[in-house]
Amino acid sequence: MSRISVDQVKHVAHLARLAVTEDQAEMFTKQLDAIISFAEELNEVDTENVEPTSHVLDIKNILRDDVAKKGLPREEVLKNAPDHQDGQIKVPSILE
């Protein structure tokens, strides 16, 4: 028994603005049914004593500390700017 119908596949394709042929709809129906079957198999796994995790590996903070450092001198930055005024880079206005 299929868990998803061809009409459902066509409906989702329509919502996603995808053009699918009859053959493609049949193929996607079979593929999605296989995916749903696999997902249902996962419901049978005993997870009673398994701790919830946010990541499969035991990784702590892998990022460096966020330390403030001195940036480039303002004159160095502004020398490459095509237009600047009062120490700030001028850009074209995008609002009316």
PDB file of N, CA and C in Angstrom:
ATOM      1  N   MET A   1       0.843  -1.189   0.000  1.00  0.00           N
ATOM      2  CA  MET A   1       0.000   0.000   0.000  1.00  0.00           C
ATOM      3  C   MET A   1       0.880   1.241   0.000  1.00  0.00           C
ATOM      4  N   SER A   2       0.639   2.127  -0.903  1.00  0.00           N
ATOM      5  CA  SER A   2       1.428   3.348  -1.023  1.00  0.00           C
ATOM      6  C   SER A   2       1.000   4.366   0.032  1.00  0.00           C
ATOM      7  N   ARG A   3       1.973   5.013   0.633  1.00  0.00           N
ATOM      8  CA  ARG A   3       1.700   6.003   1.669  1.00  0.00           C
ATOM      9  C   ARG A   3       1.494   7.395   1.078  1.00  0.00           C
ATOM     10  N   ILE A   4       1.793   7.515  -0.206  1.00  0.00           N
ATOM     11  CA  ILE A   4       1.640   8.794  -0.896  1.00  0.00           C
ATOM     12  C   ILE A   4       1.084   8.508  -2.287  1.00  0.00           C
ATOM     13  N   SER A   5       0.194   9.352  -2.742  1.00  0.00           N
ATOM     14  CA  SER A   5      -0.444   9.107  -4.039  1.00  0.00           C
ATOM     15  C   SER A   5       0.172   9.991  -5.121  1.00  0.00           C
ATOM     16  N   VAL A   6      -0.106   9.611  -6.350  1.00  0.00           N
ATOM     17  CA  VAL A   6       0.364  10.398  -7.494  1.00  0.00           C
ATOM     18  C   VAL A   6      -0.260  11.793  -7.438  1.00  0.00           C
ATOM     19  N   ASP A   7      -1.515  11.863  -7.025  1.00  0.00           N
ATOM     20  CA  ASP A   7      -2.175  13.170  -6.931  1.00  0.00           C
ATOM     21  C   ASP A   7      -1.484  14.070  -5.898  1.00  0.00           C
ATOM     22  N   GLN A   8      -1.037  13.479  -4.787  1.00  0.00           N
ATOM     23  CA  GLN A   8      -0.323  14.271  -3.784  1.00  0.00           C
ATOM     24  C   GLN A   8       1.000  14.777  -4.337  1.00  0.00           C
ATOM     25  N   VAL A   9       1.701  13.939  -5.078  1.00  0.00           N
ATOM     26  CA  VAL A   9       2.965  14.357  -5.695  1.00  0.00           C
ATOM     27  C   VAL A   9       2.714  15.491  -6.675  1.00  0.00           C
ATOM     28  N   LYS A  10       1.680  15.364  -7.485  1.00  0.00           N
ATOM     29  CA  LYS A  10       1.355  16.424  -8.448  1.00  0.00           C
ATOM     30  C   LYS A  10       0.970  17.716  -7.721  1.00  0.00           C
ATOM     31  N   HIS A  11       0.255  17.583  -6.613  1.00  0.00           N
ATOM     32  CA  HIS A  11      -0.157  18.764  -5.838  1.00  0.00           C
ATOM     33  C   HIS A  11       1.070  19.486  -5.274  1.00  0.00           C
ATOM     34  N   VAL A  12       1.994  18.740  -4.701  1.00  0.00           N
ATOM     35  CA  VAL A  12       3.215  19.346  -4.155  1.00  0.00           C
ATOM     36  C   VAL A  12       4.045  19.966  -5.279  1.00  0.00           C
ATOM     37  N   ALA A  13       4.123  19.299  -6.405  1.00  0.00           N
ATOM     38  CA  ALA A  13       4.854  19.850  -7.558  1.00  0.00           C
ATOM     39  C   ALA A  13       4.217  21.157  -8.006  1.00  0.00           C
ATOM     40  N   HIS A  14       2.899  21.196  -8.013  1.00  0.00           N
ATOM     41  CA  HIS A  14       2.184  22.421  -8.396  1.00  0.00           C
ATOM     42  C   HIS A  14       2.495  23.546  -7.407  1.00  0.00           C
ATOM     43  N   LEU A  15       2.470  23.233  -6.106  1.00  0.00           N
ATOM     44  CA  LEU A  15       2.777  24.251  -5.091  1.00  0.00           C
ATOM     45  C   LEU A  15       4.201  24.770  -5.234  1.00  0.00           C
ATOM     46  N   ALA A  16       5.121  23.889  -5.638  1.00  0.00           N
ATOM     47  CA  ALA A  16       6.518  24.272  -5.816  1.00  0.00           C
ATOM     48  C   ALA A  16       6.780  24.855  -7.205  1.00  0.00           C
ATOM     49  N   ARG A  17       5.738  24.984  -7.986  1.00  0.00           N
ATOM     50  CA  ARG A  17       5.830  25.510  -9.351  1.00  0.00           C
ATOM     51  C   ARG A  17       6.778  24.661 -10.215  1.00  0.00           C
ATOM     52  N   LEU A  18       6.649  23.340 -10.073  1.00  0.00           N
ATOM     53  CA  LEU A  18       7.454  22.407 -10.848  1.00  0.00           C
ATOM     54  C   LEU A  18       6.563  21.699 -11.852  1.00  0.00           C
ATOM     55  N   ALA A  19       7.019  21.597 -13.070  1.00  0.00           N
ATOM     56  CA  ALA A  19       6.280  20.858 -14.095  1.00  0.00           C
ATOM     57  C   ALA A  19       6.768  19.415 -14.073  1.00  0.00           C
ATOM     58  N   VAL A  20       5.864  18.486 -13.829  1.00  0.00           N
ATOM     59  CA  VAL A  20       6.225  17.070 -13.828  1.00  0.00           C
ATOM     60  C   VAL A  20       5.325  16.324 -14.807  1.00  0.00           C
ATOM     61  N   THR A  21       5.926  15.379 -15.500  1.00  0.00           N
ATOM     62  CA  THR A  21       5.160  14.538 -16.423  1.00  0.00           C
ATOM     63  C   THR A  21       4.530  13.399 -15.632  1.00  0.00           C
ATOM     64  N   GLU A  22       3.660  12.635 -16.283  1.00  0.00           N
ATOM     65  CA  GLU A  22       3.035  11.475 -15.637  1.00  0.00           C
ATOM     66  C   GLU A  22       4.094  10.467 -15.187  1.00  0.00           C
ATOM     67  N   ASP A  23       5.086  10.230 -16.077  1.00  0.00           N
ATOM     68  CA  ASP A  23       6.151   9.277 -15.731  1.00  0.00           C
ATOM     69  C   ASP A  23       6.953   9.764 -14.529  1.00  0.00           C
ATOM     70  N   GLN A  24       7.252  11.044 -14.495  1.00  0.00           N
ATOM     71  CA  GLN A  24       7.995  11.596 -13.358  1.00  0.00           C
ATOM     72  C   GLN A  24       7.175  11.521 -12.075  1.00  0.00           C
ATOM     73  N   ALA A  25       5.896  11.793 -12.175  1.00  0.00           N
ATOM     74  CA  ALA A  25       5.027  11.728 -10.997  1.00  0.00           C
ATOM     75  C   ALA A  25       4.999  10.306 -10.440  1.00  0.00           C
ATOM     76  N   GLU A  26       4.929   9.312 -11.319  1.00  0.00           N
ATOM     77  CA  GLU A  26       4.963   7.911 -10.891  1.00  0.00           C
ATOM     78  C   GLU A  26       6.301   7.584 -10.217  1.00  0.00           C
ATOM     79  N   MET A  27       7.388   8.025 -10.839  1.00  0.00           N
ATOM     80  CA  MET A  27       8.715   7.759 -10.296  1.00  0.00           C
ATOM     81  C   MET A  27       8.886   8.410  -8.927  1.00  0.00           C
ATOM     82  N   PHE A  28       8.464   9.687  -8.804  1.00  0.00           N
ATOM     83  CA  PHE A  28       8.595  10.397  -7.528  1.00  0.00           C
ATOM     84  C   PHE A  28       7.700   9.773  -6.456  1.00  0.00           C
ATOM     85  N   THR A  29       6.549   9.265  -6.856  1.00  0.00           N
ATOM     86  CA  THR A  29       5.663   8.609  -5.903  1.00  0.00           C
ATOM     87  C   THR A  29       6.352   7.382  -5.303  1.00  0.00           C
ATOM     88  N   LYS A  30       6.982   6.573  -6.155  1.00  0.00           N
ATOM     89  CA  LYS A  30       7.698   5.393  -5.665  1.00  0.00           C
ATOM     90  C   LYS A  30       8.871   5.791  -4.776  1.00  0.00           C
ATOM     91  N   GLN A  31       9.632   6.798  -5.190  1.00  0.00           N
ATOM     92  CA  GLN A  31      10.790   7.228  -4.407  1.00  0.00           C
ATOM     93  C   GLN A  31      10.365   7.794  -3.049  1.00  0.00           C
ATOM     94  N   LEU A  32       9.337   8.625  -3.049  1.00  0.00           N
ATOM     95  CA  LEU A  32       8.871   9.206  -1.788  1.00  0.00           C
ATOM     96  C   LEU A  32       8.271   8.141  -0.881  1.00  0.00           C
ATOM     97  N   ASP A  33       7.606   7.153  -1.458  1.00  0.00           N
ATOM     98  CA  ASP A  33       7.071   6.059  -0.661  1.00  0.00           C
ATOM     99  C   ASP A  33       8.203   5.283   0.013  1.00  0.00           C
ATOM    100  N   ALA A  34       9.303   5.077  -0.704  1.00  0.00           N
ATOM    101  CA  ALA A  34      10.462   4.387  -0.120  1.00  0.00           C
ATOM    102  C   ALA A  34      11.062   5.211   1.017  1.00  0.00           C
ATOM    103  N   ILE A  35      11.118   6.520   0.851  1.00  0.00           N
ATOM    104  CA  ILE A  35      11.644   7.389   1.902  1.00  0.00           C
ATOM    105  C   ILE A  35      10.745   7.343   3.128  1.00  0.00           C
ATOM    106  N   ILE A  36       9.444   7.399   2.927  1.00  0.00           N
ATOM    107  CA  ILE A  36       8.500   7.336   4.042  1.00  0.00           C
ATOM    108  C   ILE A  36       8.610   5.989   4.749  1.00  0.00           C
ATOM    109  N   SER A  37       8.773   4.905   3.990  1.00  0.00           N
ATOM    110  CA  SER A  37       8.933   3.577   4.590  1.00  0.00           C
ATOM    111  C   SER A  37      10.170   3.536   5.469  1.00  0.00           C
ATOM    112  N   PHE A  38      11.264   4.105   5.001  1.00  0.00           N
ATOM    113  CA  PHE A  38      12.486   4.128   5.799  1.00  0.00           C
ATOM    114  C   PHE A  38      12.288   4.944   7.068  1.00  0.00           C
ATOM    115  N   ALA A  39      11.629   6.083   6.954  1.00  0.00           N
ATOM    116  CA  ALA A  39      11.378   6.919   8.128  1.00  0.00           C
ATOM    117  C   ALA A  39      10.499   6.181   9.138  1.00  0.00           C
ATOM    118  N   GLU A  40       9.547   5.397   8.662  1.00  0.00           N
ATOM    119  CA  GLU A  40       8.700   4.624   9.557  1.00  0.00           C
ATOM    120  C   GLU A  40       9.491   3.525  10.271  1.00  0.00           C
ATOM    121  N   GLU A  41      10.514   2.973   9.616  1.00  0.00           N
ATOM    122  CA  GLU A  41      11.373   1.988  10.259  1.00  0.00           C
ATOM    123  C   GLU A  41      12.100   2.598  11.456  1.00  0.00           C
ATOM    124  N   LEU A  42      12.427   3.863  11.364  1.00  0.00           N
ATOM    125  CA  LEU A  42      13.120   4.523  12.468  1.00  0.00           C
ATOM    126  C   LEU A  42      12.244   4.597  13.710  1.00  0.00           C
ATOM    127  N   ASN A  43      10.933   4.604  13.545  1.00  0.00           N
ATOM    128  CA  ASN A  43      10.022   4.611  14.688  1.00  0.00           C
ATOM    129  C   ASN A  43      10.113   3.327  15.498  1.00  0.00           C
ATOM    130  N   GLU A  44      10.607   2.255  14.900  1.00  0.00           N
ATOM    131  CA  GLU A  44      10.706   0.978  15.586  1.00  0.00           C
ATOM    132  C   GLU A  44      11.958   0.868  16.452  1.00  0.00           C
ATOM    133  N   VAL A  45      12.898   1.784  16.297  1.00  0.00           N
ATOM    134  CA  VAL A  45      14.149   1.734  17.057  1.00  0.00           C
ATOM    135  C   VAL A  45      13.868   2.114  18.508  1.00  0.00           C
ATOM    136  N   ASP A  46      14.437   1.325  19.436  1.00  0.00           N
ATOM    137  CA  ASP A  46      14.259   1.592  20.860  1.00  0.00           C
ATOM    138  C   ASP A  46      15.190   2.730  21.273  1.00  0.00           C
ATOM    139  N   THR A  47      14.608   3.864  21.631  1.00  0.00           N
ATOM    140  CA  THR A  47      15.393   5.031  22.055  1.00  0.00           C
ATOM    141  C   THR A  47      15.090   5.394  23.501  1.00  0.00           C
ATOM    142  N   GLU A  48      14.641   4.416  24.262  1.00  0.00           N
ATOM    143  CA  GLU A  48      14.213   4.664  25.645  1.00  0.00           C
ATOM    144  C   GLU A  48      15.317   5.272  26.506  1.00  0.00           C
ATOM    145  N   ASN A  49      16.529   4.739  26.463  1.00  0.00           N
ATOM    146  CA  ASN A  49      17.613   5.205  27.335  1.00  0.00           C
ATOM    147  C   ASN A  49      18.657   6.022  26.579  1.00  0.00           C
ATOM    148  N   VAL A  50      18.277   6.647  25.499  1.00  0.00           N
ATOM    149  CA  VAL A  50      19.202   7.444  24.702  1.00  0.00           C
ATOM    150  C   VAL A  50      19.038   8.905  25.082  1.00  0.00           C
ATOM    151  N   GLU A  51      20.161   9.525  25.455  1.00  0.00           N
ATOM    152  CA  GLU A  51      20.140  10.945  25.820  1.00  0.00           C
ATOM    153  C   GLU A  51      19.897  11.796  24.577  1.00  0.00           C
ATOM    154  N   PRO A  52      19.053  12.818  24.671  1.00  0.00           N
ATOM    155  CA  PRO A  52      18.868  13.720  23.529  1.00  0.00           C
ATOM    156  C   PRO A  52      20.162  14.476  23.239  1.00  0.00           C
ATOM    157  N   THR A  53      20.440  14.665  21.964  1.00  0.00           N
ATOM    158  CA  THR A  53      21.640  15.399  21.571  1.00  0.00           C
ATOM    159  C   THR A  53      21.297  16.398  20.481  1.00  0.00           C
ATOM    160  N   SER A  54      22.147  17.385  20.361  1.00  0.00           N
ATOM    161  CA  SER A  54      21.978  18.340  19.276  1.00  0.00           C
ATOM    162  C   SER A  54      22.959  18.049  18.149  1.00  0.00           C
ATOM    163  N   HIS A  55      23.918  17.147  18.424  1.00  0.00           N
ATOM    164  CA  HIS A  55      24.933  16.811  17.434  1.00  0.00           C
ATOM    165  C   HIS A  55      25.358  15.369  17.675  1.00  0.00           C
ATOM    166  N   VAL A  56      25.653  14.632  16.623  1.00  0.00           N
ATOM    167  CA  VAL A  56      25.995  13.229  16.784  1.00  0.00           C
ATOM    168  C   VAL A  56      27.376  13.032  17.392  1.00  0.00           C
ATOM    169  N   LEU A  57      28.256  14.013  17.224  1.00  0.00           N
ATOM    170  CA  LEU A  57      29.596  13.916  17.793  1.00  0.00           C
ATOM    171  C   LEU A  57      29.669  14.755  19.065  1.00  0.00           C
ATOM    172  N   ASP A  58      30.515  14.327  19.989  1.00  0.00           N
ATOM    173  CA  ASP A  58      30.677  15.054  21.242  1.00  0.00           C
ATOM    174  C   ASP A  58      31.646  16.217  21.028  1.00  0.00           C
ATOM    175  N   ILE A  59      31.128  17.298  20.442  1.00  0.00           N
ATOM    176  CA  ILE A  59      31.952  18.461  20.131  1.00  0.00           C
ATOM    177  C   ILE A  59      31.574  19.586  21.074  1.00  0.00           C
ATOM    178  N   LYS A  60      32.577  20.149  21.687  1.00  0.00           N
ATOM    179  CA  LYS A  60      32.347  21.322  22.528  1.00  0.00           C
ATOM    180  C   LYS A  60      32.492  22.549  21.636  1.00  0.00           C
ATOM    181  N   ASN A  61      32.840  23.660  22.205  1.00  0.00           N
ATOM    182  CA  ASN A  61      33.007  24.871  21.415  1.00  0.00           C
ATOM    183  C   ASN A  61      34.240  24.739  20.531  1.00  0.00           C
ATOM    184  N   ILE A  62      34.045  24.682  19.228  1.00  0.00           N
ATOM    185  CA  ILE A  62      35.165  24.530  18.305  1.00  0.00           C
ATOM    186  C   ILE A  62      35.594  25.871  17.708  1.00  0.00           C
ATOM    187  N   LEU A  63      34.923  26.941  18.124  1.00  0.00           N
ATOM    188  CA  LEU A  63      35.246  28.253  17.597  1.00  0.00           C
ATOM    189  C   LEU A  63      36.252  28.946  18.509  1.00  0.00           C
ATOM    190  N   ARG A  64      37.018  29.824  17.944  1.00  0.00           N
ATOM    191  CA  ARG A  64      37.977  30.577  18.752  1.00  0.00           C
ATOM    192  C   ARG A  64      37.233  31.588  19.604  1.00  0.00           C
ATOM    193  N   ASP A  65      37.894  32.065  20.644  1.00  0.00           N
ATOM    194  CA  ASP A  65      37.307  33.110  21.475  1.00  0.00           C
ATOM    195  C   ASP A  65      37.137  34.376  20.659  1.00  0.00           C
ATOM    196  N   ASP A  66      36.058  35.073  20.906  1.00  0.00           N
ATOM    197  CA  ASP A  66      35.779  36.321  20.204  1.00  0.00           C
ATOM    198  C   ASP A  66      36.512  37.446  20.932  1.00  0.00           C
ATOM    199  N   VAL A  67      37.671  37.794  20.383  1.00  0.00           N
ATOM    200  CA  VAL A  67      38.517  38.804  21.009  1.00  0.00           C
ATOM    201  C   VAL A  67      38.584  40.014  20.084  1.00  0.00           C
ATOM    202  N   ALA A  68      38.328  41.189  20.657  1.00  0.00           N
ATOM    203  CA  ALA A  68      38.388  42.415  19.862  1.00  0.00           C
ATOM    204  C   ALA A  68      39.850  42.739  19.551  1.00  0.00           C
ATOM    205  N   LYS A  69      40.110  43.106  18.297  1.00  0.00           N
ATOM    206  CA  LYS A  69      41.451  43.508  17.880  1.00  0.00           C
ATOM    207  C   LYS A  69      41.340  44.829  17.136  1.00  0.00           C
ATOM    208  N   LYS A  70      42.424  45.503  17.072  1.00  0.00           N
ATOM    209  CA  LYS A  70      42.458  46.759  16.347  1.00  0.00           C
ATOM    210  C   LYS A  70      42.320  46.474  14.853  1.00  0.00           C
ATOM    211  N   GLY A  71      41.442  47.219  14.200  1.00  0.00           N
ATOM    212  CA  GLY A  71      41.215  47.037  12.772  1.00  0.00           C
ATOM    213  C   GLY A  71      42.172  47.886  11.944  1.00  0.00           C
ATOM    214  N   LEU A  72      41.852  48.001  10.669  1.00  0.00           N
ATOM    215  CA  LEU A  72      42.674  48.813   9.780  1.00  0.00           C
ATOM    216  C   LEU A  72      42.521  50.284  10.122  1.00  0.00           C
ATOM    217  N   PRO A  73      43.572  51.074   9.879  1.00  0.00           N
ATOM    218  CA  PRO A  73      43.437  52.515  10.076  1.00  0.00           C
ATOM    219  C   PRO A  73      42.402  53.081   9.101  1.00  0.00           C
ATOM    220  N   ARG A  74      41.633  54.057   9.548  1.00  0.00           N
ATOM    221  CA  ARG A  74      40.558  54.629   8.739  1.00  0.00           C
ATOM    222  C   ARG A  74      41.092  55.164   7.412  1.00  0.00           C
ATOM    223  N   GLU A  75      42.250  55.791   7.434  1.00  0.00           N
ATOM    224  CA  GLU A  75      42.820  56.350   6.195  1.00  0.00           C
ATOM    225  C   GLU A  75      43.103  55.247   5.180  1.00  0.00           C
ATOM    226  N   GLU A  76      43.567  54.088   5.674  1.00  0.00           N
ATOM    227  CA  GLU A  76      43.856  52.952   4.797  1.00  0.00           C
ATOM    228  C   GLU A  76      42.580  52.442   4.121  1.00  0.00           C
ATOM    229  N   VAL A  77      41.493  52.392   4.885  1.00  0.00           N
ATOM    230  CA  VAL A  77      40.214  51.919   4.347  1.00  0.00           C
ATOM    231  C   VAL A  77      39.661  52.928   3.349  1.00  0.00           C
ATOM    232  N   LEU A  78      39.698  54.203   3.689  1.00  0.00           N
ATOM    233  CA  LEU A  78      39.091  55.227   2.839  1.00  0.00           C
ATOM    234  C   LEU A  78      39.857  55.485   1.554  1.00  0.00           C
ATOM    235  N   LYS A  79      41.145  55.124   1.505  1.00  0.00           N
ATOM    236  CA  LYS A  79      41.902  55.391   0.278  1.00  0.00           C
ATOM    237  C   LYS A  79      41.400  54.538  -0.888  1.00  0.00           C
ATOM    238  N   ASN A  80      40.721  53.418  -0.612  1.00  0.00           N
ATOM    239  CA  ASN A  80      40.173  52.567  -1.670  1.00  0.00           C
ATOM    240  C   ASN A  80      38.702  52.855  -1.957  1.00  0.00           C
ATOM    241  N   ALA A  81      38.087  53.718  -1.167  1.00  0.00           N
ATOM    242  CA  ALA A  81      36.676  54.037  -1.366  1.00  0.00           C
ATOM    243  C   ALA A  81      36.543  55.068  -2.481  1.00  0.00           C
ATOM    244  N   PRO A  82      35.637  54.860  -3.429  1.00  0.00           N
ATOM    245  CA  PRO A  82      35.490  55.812  -4.519  1.00  0.00           C
ATOM    246  C   PRO A  82      34.985  57.174  -4.040  1.00  0.00           C
ATOM    247  N   ASP A  83      34.194  57.193  -2.965  1.00  0.00           N
ATOM    248  CA  ASP A  83      33.655  58.455  -2.463  1.00  0.00           C
ATOM    249  C   ASP A  83      33.514  58.341  -0.950  1.00  0.00           C
ATOM    250  N   HIS A  84      34.000  59.349  -0.228  1.00  0.00           N
ATOM    251  CA  HIS A  84      33.868  59.330   1.224  1.00  0.00           C
ATOM    252  C   HIS A  84      33.728  60.755   1.735  1.00  0.00           C
ATOM    253  N   GLN A  85      33.156  60.853   2.940  1.00  0.00           N
ATOM    254  CA  GLN A  85      32.920  62.154   3.551  1.00  0.00           C
ATOM    255  C   GLN A  85      32.904  61.988   5.062  1.00  0.00           C
ATOM    256  N   ASP A  86      33.582  62.847   5.770  1.00  0.00           N
ATOM    257  CA  ASP A  86      33.622  62.844   7.239  1.00  0.00           C
ATOM    258  C   ASP A  86      34.001  61.482   7.803  1.00  0.00           C
ATOM    259  N   GLY A  87      34.949  60.798   7.177  1.00  0.00           N
ATOM    260  CA  GLY A  87      35.428  59.523   7.687  1.00  0.00           C
ATOM    261  C   GLY A  87      34.516  58.348   7.404  1.00  0.00           C
ATOM    262  N   GLN A  88      33.517  58.534   6.547  1.00  0.00           N
ATOM    263  CA  GLN A  88      32.603  57.453   6.210  1.00  0.00           C
ATOM    264  C   GLN A  88      32.526  57.274   4.700  1.00  0.00           C
ATOM    265  N   ILE A  89      32.282  56.028   4.284  1.00  0.00           N
ATOM    266  CA  ILE A  89      32.167  55.730   2.854  1.00  0.00           C
ATOM    267  C   ILE A  89      30.772  56.117   2.392  1.00  0.00           C
ATOM    268  N   LYS A  90      30.709  56.899   1.301  1.00  0.00           N
ATOM    269  CA  LYS A  90      29.424  57.299   0.738  1.00  0.00           C
ATOM    270  C   LYS A  90      29.010  56.287  -0.323  1.00  0.00           C
ATOM    271  N   VAL A  91      27.747  55.913  -0.283  1.00  0.00           N
ATOM    272  CA  VAL A  91      27.181  54.987  -1.264  1.00  0.00           C
ATOM    273  C   VAL A  91      25.934  55.628  -1.859  1.00  0.00           C
ATOM    274  N   PRO A  92      25.525  55.167  -3.040  1.00  0.00           N
ATOM    275  CA  PRO A  92      24.316  55.718  -3.644  1.00  0.00           C
ATOM    276  C   PRO A  92      23.097  55.408  -2.776  1.00  0.00           C
ATOM    277  N   SER A  93      22.168  56.332  -2.740  1.00  0.00           N
ATOM    278  CA  SER A  93      20.947  56.158  -1.973  1.00  0.00           C
ATOM    279  C   SER A  93      20.069  55.092  -2.644  1.00  0.00           C
ATOM    280  N   ILE A  94      19.481  54.232  -1.818  1.00  0.00           N
ATOM    281  CA  ILE A  94      18.603  53.189  -2.373  1.00  0.00           C
ATOM    282  C   ILE A  94      17.159  53.425  -1.953  1.00  0.00           C
ATOM    283  N   LEU A  95      16.925  54.399  -1.090  1.00  0.00           N
ATOM    284  CA  LEU A  95      15.573  54.714  -0.643  1.00  0.00           C
ATOM    285  C   LEU A  95      15.122  56.029  -1.263  1.00  0.00           C
ATOM    286  N   GLU A  96      13.846  56.149  -1.473  1.00  0.00           N
ATOM    287  CA  GLU A  96      13.332  57.381  -2.055  1.00  0.00           C
ATOM    288  C   GLU A  96      13.116  58.426  -0.988  1.00  0.00           C
TER     289      GLU A  96
END
